[in-house]
PDB file of N, CA and C in Angstrom:
ATOM      1  N   MET A   1     -34.272  32.381  50.202  1.00  0.00           N
ATOM      2  CA  MET A   1     -33.303  31.124  49.459  1.00  0.00           C
ATOM      3  C   MET A   1     -33.345  31.636  48.194  1.00  0.00           C
ATOM      4  N   SER A   2     -32.136  31.414  47.562  1.00  0.00           N
ATOM      5  CA  SER A   2     -32.222  31.655  46.008  1.00  0.00           C
ATOM      6  C   SER A   2     -33.103  30.597  45.275  1.00  0.00           C
ATOM      7  N   VAL A   3     -33.215  31.080  43.667  1.00  0.00           N
ATOM      8  CA  VAL A   3     -33.825  29.981  42.829  1.00  0.00           C
ATOM      9  C   VAL A   3     -32.519  28.859  42.879  1.00  0.00           C
ATOM     10  N   ILE A   4     -31.273  28.988  42.589  1.00  0.00           N
ATOM     11  CA  ILE A   4     -30.348  27.612  42.533  1.00  0.00           C
ATOM     12  C   ILE A   4     -30.561  26.735  43.827  1.00  0.00           C
ATOM     13  N   ASP A   5     -30.616  27.655  45.022  1.00  0.00           N
ATOM     14  CA  ASP A   5     -30.815  26.815  46.349  1.00  0.00           C
ATOM     15  C   ASP A   5     -32.212  26.024  46.314  1.00  0.00           C
ATOM     16  N   GLU A   6     -32.970  26.469  45.819  1.00  0.00           N
ATOM     17  CA  GLU A   6     -34.295  25.840  45.788  1.00  0.00           C
ATOM     18  C   GLU A   6     -34.331  24.808  44.762  1.00  0.00           C
ATOM     19  N   ALA A   7     -33.847  24.922  43.610  1.00  0.00           N
ATOM     20  CA  ALA A   7     -33.781  24.130  42.483  1.00  0.00           C
ATOM     21  C   ALA A   7     -32.715  22.823  42.817  1.00  0.00           C
ATOM     22  N   VAL A   8     -31.751  23.139  43.578  1.00  0.00           N
ATOM     23  CA  VAL A   8     -30.511  21.937  44.479  1.00  0.00           C
ATOM     24  C   VAL A   8     -31.618  21.129  45.230  1.00  0.00           C
ATOM     25  N   LYS A   9     -32.382  21.765  46.156  1.00  0.00           N
ATOM     26  CA  LYS A   9     -33.244  21.307  47.043  1.00  0.00           C
ATOM     27  C   LYS A   9     -34.359  20.182  46.843  1.00  0.00           C
ATOM     28  N   ALA A  10     -34.803  20.630  45.403  1.00  0.00           N
ATOM     29  CA  ALA A  10     -35.992  19.999  44.675  1.00  0.00           C
ATOM     30  C   ALA A  10     -35.502  19.048  44.066  1.00  0.00           C
ATOM     31  N   LEU A  11     -34.183  18.928  43.060  1.00  0.00           N
ATOM     32  CA  LEU A  11     -33.902  17.928  42.358  1.00  0.00           C
ATOM     33  C   LEU A  11     -33.275  16.668  43.217  1.00  0.00           C
ATOM     34  N   ALA A  12     -32.556  17.129  44.682  1.00  0.00           N
ATOM     35  CA  ALA A  12     -32.012  16.333  45.388  1.00  0.00           C
ATOM     36  C   ALA A  12     -33.209  15.666  46.074  1.00  0.00           C
ATOM     37  N   ALA A  13     -34.138  16.020  46.169  1.00  0.00           N
ATOM     38  CA  ALA A  13     -35.664  15.179  46.828  1.00  0.00           C
ATOM     39  C   ALA A  13     -36.017  14.321  45.994  1.00  0.00           C
ATOM     40  N   LYS A  14     -35.946  14.413  44.451  1.00  0.00           N
ATOM     41  CA  LYS A  14     -36.301  13.743  43.272  1.00  0.00           C
ATOM     42  C   LYS A  14     -35.569  12.650  43.109  1.00  0.00           C
ATOM     43  N   LEU A  15     -34.753  12.901  43.238  1.00  0.00           N
ATOM     44  CA  LEU A  15     -33.383  12.000  42.767  1.00  0.00           C
ATOM     45  C   LEU A  15     -32.846  11.244  43.434  1.00  0.00           C
ATOM     46  N   GLY A  16     -32.747  11.534  44.940  1.00  0.00           N
ATOM     47  CA  GLY A  16     -32.198  10.898  45.985  1.00  0.00           C
ATOM     48  C   GLY A  16     -30.746  10.843  45.880  1.00  0.00           C
ATOM     49  N   ASP A  17     -29.907   9.908  45.729  1.00  0.00           N
ATOM     50  CA  ASP A  17     -28.760   9.352  45.700  1.00  0.00           C
ATOM     51  C   ASP A  17     -27.648   9.876  44.614  1.00  0.00           C
ATOM     52  N   GLY A  18     -28.418  10.599  43.611  1.00  0.00           N
ATOM     53  CA  GLY A  18     -27.585  10.745  42.204  1.00  0.00           C
ATOM     54  C   GLY A  18     -28.337  10.583  41.229  1.00  0.00           C
ATOM     55  N   PHE A  19     -27.393  10.693  40.153  1.00  0.00           N
ATOM     56  CA  PHE A  19     -28.053  10.127  38.752  1.00  0.00           C
ATOM     57  C   PHE A  19     -26.973   9.475  37.781  1.00  0.00           C
ATOM     58  N   ASP A  20     -26.977   8.233  37.127  1.00  0.00           N
ATOM     59  CA  ASP A  20     -26.178   7.683  36.394  1.00  0.00           C
ATOM     60  C   ASP A  20     -26.046   8.480  35.139  1.00  0.00           C
ATOM     61  N   GLY A  21     -25.190   9.208  35.087  1.00  0.00           N
ATOM     62  CA  GLY A  21     -24.740  10.307  34.038  1.00  0.00           C
ATOM     63  C   GLY A  21     -24.583  11.869  34.782  1.00  0.00           C
ATOM     64  N   SER A  22     -24.650  12.792  33.612  1.00  0.00           N
ATOM     65  CA  SER A  22     -24.370  13.884  34.635  1.00  0.00           C
ATOM     66  C   SER A  22     -25.603  15.077  33.455  1.00  0.00           C
ATOM     67  N   ALA A  23     -25.950  15.999  34.008  1.00  0.00           N
ATOM     68  CA  ALA A  23     -26.671  16.762  33.417  1.00  0.00           C
ATOM     69  C   ALA A  23     -26.662  18.325  34.149  1.00  0.00           C
ATOM     70  N   LYS A  24     -26.676  19.237  32.951  1.00  0.00           N
ATOM     71  CA  LYS A  24     -26.601  20.468  33.776  1.00  0.00           C
ATOM     72  C   LYS A  24     -27.790  21.392  33.621  1.00  0.00           C
ATOM     73  N   PHE A  25     -28.556  21.894  34.500  1.00  0.00           N
ATOM     74  CA  PHE A  25     -29.755  22.697  34.266  1.00  0.00           C
ATOM     75  C   PHE A  25     -28.929  24.007  34.145  1.00  0.00           C
ATOM     76  N   VAL A  26     -29.383  24.962  33.292  1.00  0.00           N
ATOM     77  CA  VAL A  26     -28.934  26.271  33.350  1.00  0.00           C
ATOM     78  C   VAL A  26     -30.252  27.073  33.257  1.00  0.00           C
ATOM     79  N   ILE A  27     -30.382  27.619  34.373  1.00  0.00           N
ATOM     80  CA  ILE A  27     -31.601  28.695  34.815  1.00  0.00           C
ATOM     81  C   ILE A  27     -31.477  30.059  34.611  1.00  0.00           C
ATOM     82  N   GLU A  28     -31.849  30.432  33.226  1.00  0.00           N
ATOM     83  CA  GLU A  28     -31.801  31.580  32.848  1.00  0.00           C
ATOM     84  C   GLU A  28     -32.039  32.594  33.797  1.00  0.00           C
ATOM     85  N   GLY A  29     -30.675  33.765  34.043  1.00  0.00           N
ATOM     86  CA  GLY A  29     -30.799  34.737  34.818  1.00  0.00           C
ATOM     87  C   GLY A  29     -30.522  34.405  36.197  1.00  0.00           C
ATOM     88  N   GLU A  30     -30.125  33.324  36.563  1.00  0.00           N
ATOM     89  CA  GLU A  30     -29.983  32.862  37.789  1.00  0.00           C
ATOM     90  C   GLU A  30     -28.798  32.052  38.089  1.00  0.00           C
ATOM     91  N   GLY A  31     -28.145  31.035  37.410  1.00  0.00           N
ATOM     92  CA  GLY A  31     -27.073  30.138  37.344  1.00  0.00           C
ATOM     93  C   GLY A  31     -27.685  28.907  37.213  1.00  0.00           C
ATOM     94  N   ALA A  32     -26.781  27.932  37.764  1.00  0.00           N
ATOM     95  CA  ALA A  32     -27.050  26.305  37.061  1.00  0.00           C
ATOM     96  C   ALA A  32     -26.638  25.704  38.055  1.00  0.00           C
ATOM     97  N   VAL A  33     -27.416  24.235  37.988  1.00  0.00           N
ATOM     98  CA  VAL A  33     -27.283  23.246  38.711  1.00  0.00           C
ATOM     99  C   VAL A  33     -27.026  22.078  38.035  1.00  0.00           C
ATOM    100  N   ILE A  34     -25.967  21.353  38.587  1.00  0.00           N
ATOM    101  CA  ILE A  34     -25.388  20.123  37.973  1.00  0.00           C
ATOM    102  C   ILE A  34     -25.678  18.976  38.762  1.00  0.00           C
ATOM    103  N   VAL A  35     -26.143  17.966  37.830  1.00  0.00           N
ATOM    104  CA  VAL A  35     -26.935  16.415  38.358  1.00  0.00           C
ATOM    105  C   VAL A  35     -25.852  15.251  38.197  1.00  0.00           C
ATOM    106  N   ASP A  36     -25.340  14.778  39.002  1.00  0.00           N
ATOM    107  CA  ASP A  36     -24.533  13.485  38.447  1.00  0.00           C
ATOM    108  C   ASP A  36     -24.356  12.238  39.630  1.00  0.00           C
ATOM    109  N   GLY A  37     -23.410  11.383  39.663  1.00  0.00           N
ATOM    110  CA  GLY A  37     -23.463  10.420  40.559  1.00  0.00           C
ATOM    111  C   GLY A  37     -22.875  10.956  41.719  1.00  0.00           C
ATOM    112  N   ALA A  38     -22.715  11.884  41.872  1.00  0.00           N
ATOM    113  CA  ALA A  38     -22.029  12.536  43.106  1.00  0.00           C
ATOM    114  C   ALA A  38     -23.550  13.356  43.997  1.00  0.00           C
ATOM    115  N   GLY A  39     -24.577  13.341  43.235  1.00  0.00           N
ATOM    116  CA  GLY A  39     -25.711  14.133  43.738  1.00  0.00           C
ATOM    117  C   GLY A  39     -26.040  15.380  42.958  1.00  0.00           C
ATOM    118  N   VAL A  40     -26.552  16.562  43.781  1.00  0.00           N
ATOM    119  CA  VAL A  40     -26.948  17.560  43.141  1.00  0.00           C
ATOM    120  C   VAL A  40     -26.574  18.861  43.781  1.00  0.00           C
ATOM    121  N   ARG A  41     -25.953  19.785  42.937  1.00  0.00           N
ATOM    122  CA  ARG A  41     -25.109  20.955  43.406  1.00  0.00           C
ATOM    123  C   ARG A  41     -25.065  22.034  42.562  1.00  0.00           C
ATOM    124  N   ALA A  42     -24.914  23.407  42.894  1.00  0.00           N
ATOM    125  CA  ALA A  42     -24.741  24.661  42.285  1.00  0.00           C
ATOM    126  C   ALA A  42     -23.488  24.010  41.398  1.00  0.00           C
ATOM    127  N   ALA A  43     -23.731  24.770  40.209  1.00  0.00           N
ATOM    128  CA  ALA A  43     -22.406  24.312  39.239  1.00  0.00           C
ATOM    129  C   ALA A  43     -22.112  26.014  38.879  1.00  0.00           C
ATOM    130  N   SER A  44     -21.109  25.587  37.995  1.00  0.00           N
ATOM    131  CA  SER A  44     -20.132  27.124  37.504  1.00  0.00           C
ATOM    132  C   SER A  44     -20.503  26.820  36.164  1.00  0.00           C
ATOM    133  N   GLU A  45     -19.911  27.857  35.588  1.00  0.00           N
ATOM    134  CA  GLU A  45     -20.041  27.728  33.784  1.00  0.00           C
ATOM    135  C   GLU A  45     -19.338  26.919  33.313  1.00  0.00           C
ATOM    136  N   ALA A  46     -17.973  26.325  33.980  1.00  0.00           N
ATOM    137  CA  ALA A  46     -17.093  26.078  33.423  1.00  0.00           C
ATOM    138  C   ALA A  46     -17.540  24.191  33.664  1.00  0.00           C
ATOM    139  N   ASP A  47     -18.274  24.048  34.578  1.00  0.00           N
ATOM    140  CA  ASP A  47     -18.590  22.440  34.824  1.00  0.00           C
ATOM    141  C   ASP A  47     -19.385  22.296  33.531  1.00  0.00           C
ATOM    142  N   GLU A  48     -18.933  20.730  33.207  1.00  0.00           N
ATOM    143  CA  GLU A  48     -18.982  20.256  31.644  1.00  0.00           C
ATOM    144  C   GLU A  48     -20.258  19.110  32.274  1.00  0.00           C
ATOM    145  N   ALA A  49     -20.991  18.776  31.290  1.00  0.00           N
ATOM    146  CA  ALA A  49     -22.181  17.646  31.779  1.00  0.00           C
ATOM    147  C   ALA A  49     -22.512  16.989  30.456  1.00  0.00           C
ATOM    148  N   ASP A  50     -23.082  15.701  29.899  1.00  0.00           N
ATOM    149  CA  ASP A  50     -23.496  14.857  29.229  1.00  0.00           C
ATOM    150  C   ASP A  50     -24.238  15.576  28.391  1.00  0.00           C
ATOM    151  N   VAL A  51     -25.409  16.299  29.114  1.00  0.00           N
ATOM    152  CA  VAL A  51     -26.459  17.286  28.587  1.00  0.00           C
ATOM    153  C   VAL A  51     -26.355  18.433  29.248  1.00  0.00           C
ATOM    154  N   THR A  52     -26.851  19.410  28.566  1.00  0.00           N
ATOM    155  CA  THR A  52     -26.843  20.940  29.348  1.00  0.00           C
ATOM    156  C   THR A  52     -28.464  21.411  28.911  1.00  0.00           C
ATOM    157  N   MET A  53     -29.631  21.397  29.654  1.00  0.00           N
ATOM    158  CA  MET A  53     -30.569  22.088  29.249  1.00  0.00           C
ATOM    159  C   MET A  53     -30.946  23.417  30.060  1.00  0.00           C
ATOM    160  N   THR A  54     -31.687  24.077  29.259  1.00  0.00           N
ATOM    161  CA  THR A  54     -31.612  25.463  29.688  1.00  0.00           C
ATOM    162  C   THR A  54     -33.006  25.974  29.360  1.00  0.00           C
ATOM    163  N   ALA A  55     -33.491  26.851  30.509  1.00  0.00           N
ATOM    164  CA  ALA A  55     -35.102  27.371  30.596  1.00  0.00           C
ATOM    165  C   ALA A  55     -34.960  28.591  31.492  1.00  0.00           C
ATOM    166  N   SER A  56     -36.436  28.877  31.459  1.00  0.00           N
ATOM    167  CA  SER A  56     -36.477  30.211  32.259  1.00  0.00           C
ATOM    168  C   SER A  56     -36.571  29.764  33.643  1.00  0.00           C
ATOM    169  N   THR A  57     -36.903  30.472  35.178  1.00  0.00           N
ATOM    170  CA  THR A  57     -36.840  29.846  35.845  1.00  0.00           C
ATOM    171  C   THR A  57     -38.593  29.467  35.954  1.00  0.00           C
ATOM    172  N   ASP A  58     -39.459  29.874  35.401  1.00  0.00           N
ATOM    173  CA  ASP A  58     -41.100  29.783  35.450  1.00  0.00           C
ATOM    174  C   ASP A  58     -41.177  28.177  34.646  1.00  0.00           C
ATOM    175  N   THR A  59     -40.343  27.845  33.620  1.00  0.00           N
ATOM    176  CA  THR A  59     -40.580  26.727  33.129  1.00  0.00           C
ATOM    177  C   THR A  59     -39.845  25.756  34.224  1.00  0.00           C
ATOM    178  N   PHE A  60     -38.646  25.887  34.425  1.00  0.00           N
ATOM    179  CA  PHE A  60     -37.979  25.257  35.353  1.00  0.00           C
ATOM    180  C   PHE A  60     -38.871  24.651  36.515  1.00  0.00           C
ATOM    181  N   GLN A  61     -39.283  25.879  37.306  1.00  0.00           N
ATOM    182  CA  GLN A  61     -40.071  25.682  38.550  1.00  0.00           C
ATOM    183  C   GLN A  61     -41.516  24.305  37.935  1.00  0.00           C
ATOM    184  N   SER A  62     -42.127  25.097  37.124  1.00  0.00           N
ATOM    185  CA  SER A  62     -43.121  24.022  36.676  1.00  0.00           C
ATOM    186  C   SER A  62     -42.836  22.563  36.363  1.00  0.00           C
ATOM    187  N   ILE A  63     -41.472  22.279  36.101  1.00  0.00           N
ATOM    188  CA  ILE A  63     -41.012  20.945  35.570  1.00  0.00           C
ATOM    189  C   ILE A  63     -40.589  20.275  36.820  1.00  0.00           C
ATOM    190  N   LEU A  64     -40.120  21.136  37.925  1.00  0.00           N
ATOM    191  CA  LEU A  64     -40.006  20.360  39.383  1.00  0.00           C
ATOM    192  C   LEU A  64     -41.112  20.269  39.902  1.00  0.00           C
ATOM    193  N   GLY A  65     -42.062  21.037  39.758  1.00  0.00           N
ATOM    194  CA  GLY A  65     -43.642  21.185  40.580  1.00  0.00           C
ATOM    195  C   GLY A  65     -44.267  20.456  39.681  1.00  0.00           C
ATOM    196  N   GLY A  66     -44.051  19.530  38.446  1.00  0.00           N
ATOM    197  CA  GLY A  66     -44.955  18.548  38.222  1.00  0.00           C
ATOM    198  C   GLY A  66     -46.027  18.951  37.322  1.00  0.00           C
ATOM    199  N   SER A  67     -46.141  20.236  37.201  1.00  0.00           N
ATOM    200  CA  SER A  67     -47.087  20.561  36.220  1.00  0.00           C
ATOM    201  C   SER A  67     -46.628  20.746  34.837  1.00  0.00           C
ATOM    202  N   LEU A  68     -45.593  20.713  34.454  1.00  0.00           N
ATOM    203  CA  LEU A  68     -45.119  20.516  33.022  1.00  0.00           C
ATOM    204  C   LEU A  68     -44.085  19.538  33.054  1.00  0.00           C
ATOM    205  N   ASN A  69     -44.483  18.873  31.958  1.00  0.00           N
ATOM    206  CA  ASN A  69     -43.766  17.880  31.394  1.00  0.00           C
ATOM    207  C   ASN A  69     -42.382  18.125  30.695  1.00  0.00           C
ATOM    208  N   PRO A  70     -41.179  17.425  31.348  1.00  0.00           N
ATOM    209  CA  PRO A  70     -40.040  18.103  30.517  1.00  0.00           C
ATOM    210  C   PRO A  70     -39.873  17.634  28.964  1.00  0.00           C
ATOM    211  N   THR A  71     -40.625  16.588  28.383  1.00  0.00           N
ATOM    212  CA  THR A  71     -40.646  16.428  26.902  1.00  0.00           C
ATOM    213  C   THR A  71     -41.830  17.362  26.608  1.00  0.00           C
ATOM    214  N   MET A  72     -42.743  17.826  27.267  1.00  0.00           N
ATOM    215  CA  MET A  72     -43.554  18.645  26.297  1.00  0.00           C
ATOM    216  C   MET A  72     -42.817  20.246  26.543  1.00  0.00           C
ATOM    217  N   ALA A  73     -42.252  20.617  27.484  1.00  0.00           N
ATOM    218  CA  ALA A  73     -41.204  21.739  27.476  1.00  0.00           C
ATOM    219  C   ALA A  73     -40.490  21.671  26.360  1.00  0.00           C
ATOM    220  N   PHE A  74     -39.586  20.432  26.161  1.00  0.00           N
ATOM    221  CA  PHE A  74     -38.611  20.429  24.973  1.00  0.00           C
ATOM    222  C   PHE A  74     -39.589  20.939  23.715  1.00  0.00           C
ATOM    223  N   MET A  75     -40.433  19.989  23.687  1.00  0.00           N
ATOM    224  CA  MET A  75     -41.218  19.962  22.397  1.00  0.00           C
ATOM    225  C   MET A  75     -41.918  21.239  21.837  1.00  0.00           C
ATOM    226  N   SER A  76     -42.064  22.438  22.970  1.00  0.00           N
ATOM    227  CA  SER A  76     -42.628  23.385  22.819  1.00  0.00           C
ATOM    228  C   SER A  76     -41.742  24.701  22.791  1.00  0.00           C
ATOM    229  N   GLY A  77     -40.398  24.307  22.856  1.00  0.00           N
ATOM    230  CA  GLY A  77     -39.255  25.370  22.685  1.00  0.00           C
ATOM    231  C   GLY A  77     -39.337  26.103  24.109  1.00  0.00           C
ATOM    232  N   LYS A  78     -39.790  25.484  25.396  1.00  0.00           N
ATOM    233  CA  LYS A  78     -39.377  26.327  26.509  1.00  0.00           C
ATOM    234  C   LYS A  78     -38.000  25.734  27.326  1.00  0.00           C
ATOM    235  N   LEU A  79     -37.746  24.412  26.863  1.00  0.00           N
ATOM    236  CA  LEU A  79     -36.489  23.735  27.153  1.00  0.00           C
ATOM    237  C   LEU A  79     -35.451  23.584  26.521  1.00  0.00           C
ATOM    238  N   LYS A  80     -34.352  23.929  26.148  1.00  0.00           N
ATOM    239  CA  LYS A  80     -33.343  23.807  25.324  1.00  0.00           C
ATOM    240  C   LYS A  80     -32.413  22.643  25.709  1.00  0.00           C
ATOM    241  N   LEU A  81     -31.693  21.714  24.560  1.00  0.00           N
ATOM    242  CA  LEU A  81     -31.171  20.976  25.163  1.00  0.00           C
ATOM    243  C   LEU A  81     -29.751  21.063  24.216  1.00  0.00           C
ATOM    244  N   ASP A  82     -28.782  20.588  24.967  1.00  0.00           N
ATOM    245  CA  ASP A  82     -27.290  20.412  24.274  1.00  0.00           C
ATOM    246  C   ASP A  82     -26.725  19.432  24.695  1.00  0.00           C
ATOM    247  N   GLY A  83     -26.211  18.438  23.762  1.00  0.00           N
ATOM    248  CA  GLY A  83     -25.947  17.397  24.213  1.00  0.00           C
ATOM    249  C   GLY A  83     -26.410  15.830  23.894  1.00  0.00           C
ATOM    250  N   ASP A  84     -26.239  15.053  25.050  1.00  0.00           N
ATOM    251  CA  ASP A  84     -26.897  13.806  24.787  1.00  0.00           C
ATOM    252  C   ASP A  84     -28.539  13.740  25.020  1.00  0.00           C
ATOM    253  N   MET A  85     -29.351  13.382  23.872  1.00  0.00           N
ATOM    254  CA  MET A  85     -30.358  13.034  24.352  1.00  0.00           C
ATOM    255  C   MET A  85     -31.066  12.005  25.121  1.00  0.00           C
ATOM    256  N   GLY A  86     -30.687  10.920  24.874  1.00  0.00           N
ATOM    257  CA  GLY A  86     -30.609   9.950  26.076  1.00  0.00           C
ATOM    258  C   GLY A  86     -30.628  10.060  27.466  1.00  0.00           C
ATOM    259  N   THR A  87     -29.354  10.903  27.882  1.00  0.00           N
ATOM    260  CA  THR A  87     -29.202  11.564  29.129  1.00  0.00           C
ATOM    261  C   THR A  87     -30.459  12.048  29.568  1.00  0.00           C
ATOM    262  N   ALA A  88     -30.622  12.915  28.813  1.00  0.00           N
ATOM    263  CA  ALA A  88     -31.978  13.758  28.967  1.00  0.00           C
ATOM    264  C   ALA A  88     -33.371  13.321  29.019  1.00  0.00           C
ATOM    265  N   MET A  89     -33.747  12.201  28.063  1.00  0.00           N
ATOM    266  CA  MET A  89     -34.820  11.355  28.421  1.00  0.00           C
ATOM    267  C   MET A  89     -34.845  10.563  29.765  1.00  0.00           C
ATOM    268  N   LYS A  90     -33.638  10.214  30.037  1.00  0.00           N
ATOM    269  CA  LYS A  90     -33.414   9.427  31.757  1.00  0.00           C
ATOM    270  C   LYS A  90     -33.584  10.089  32.283  1.00  0.00           C
ATOM    271  N   LEU A  91     -33.252  11.377  32.391  1.00  0.00           N
ATOM    272  CA  LEU A  91     -33.464  12.413  33.529  1.00  0.00           C
ATOM    273  C   LEU A  91     -34.925  12.875  33.629  1.00  0.00           C
ATOM    274  N   GLY A  92     -35.339  12.963  32.467  1.00  0.00           N
ATOM    275  CA  GLY A  92     -36.908  13.410  32.282  1.00  0.00           C
ATOM    276  C   GLY A  92     -37.850  12.474  33.011  1.00  0.00           C
ATOM    277  N   SER A  93     -37.457  11.141  32.988  1.00  0.00           N
ATOM    278  CA  SER A  93     -38.110   9.961  33.376  1.00  0.00           C
ATOM    279  C   SER A  93     -38.111  10.184  34.683  1.00  0.00           C
ATOM    280  N   ALA A  94     -36.971  10.291  35.098  1.00  0.00           N
ATOM    281  CA  ALA A  94     -36.681  10.472  36.633  1.00  0.00           C
ATOM    282  C   ALA A  94     -37.515  11.400  37.476  1.00  0.00           C
ATOM    283  N   LEU A  95     -37.437  12.282  36.941  1.00  0.00           N
ATOM    284  CA  LEU A  95     -38.247  13.903  37.310  1.00  0.00           C
ATOM    285  C   LEU A  95     -39.745  13.822  37.431  1.00  0.00           C
ATOM    286  N   SER A  96     -40.186  12.859  36.481  1.00  0.00           N
ATOM    287  CA  SER A  96     -42.037  12.486  36.384  1.00  0.00           C
ATOM    288  C   SER A  96     -42.350  12.105  37.477  1.00  0.00           C
TER     289      SER A  96
END
């Protein structure tokens, strides 16, 4: 199973029926995942979102696994944000 497939599965398990807003996770060297009201799916480079979060595979897996807080990842520079900070915070709370 690819990193993107694992990310889609893990995010879907945490978020259930979707998310109020849209967020794109770019996993460096692997691809991207988008989360919105329709659920969680693999994303293309062209997919737009309210916020785009970029991280390494290790950082992303640590956030999903619960060993790294998304806010701490951002503060330490391991997670980069582009877009609406409010949407990012709401998603971070949903993932914690």
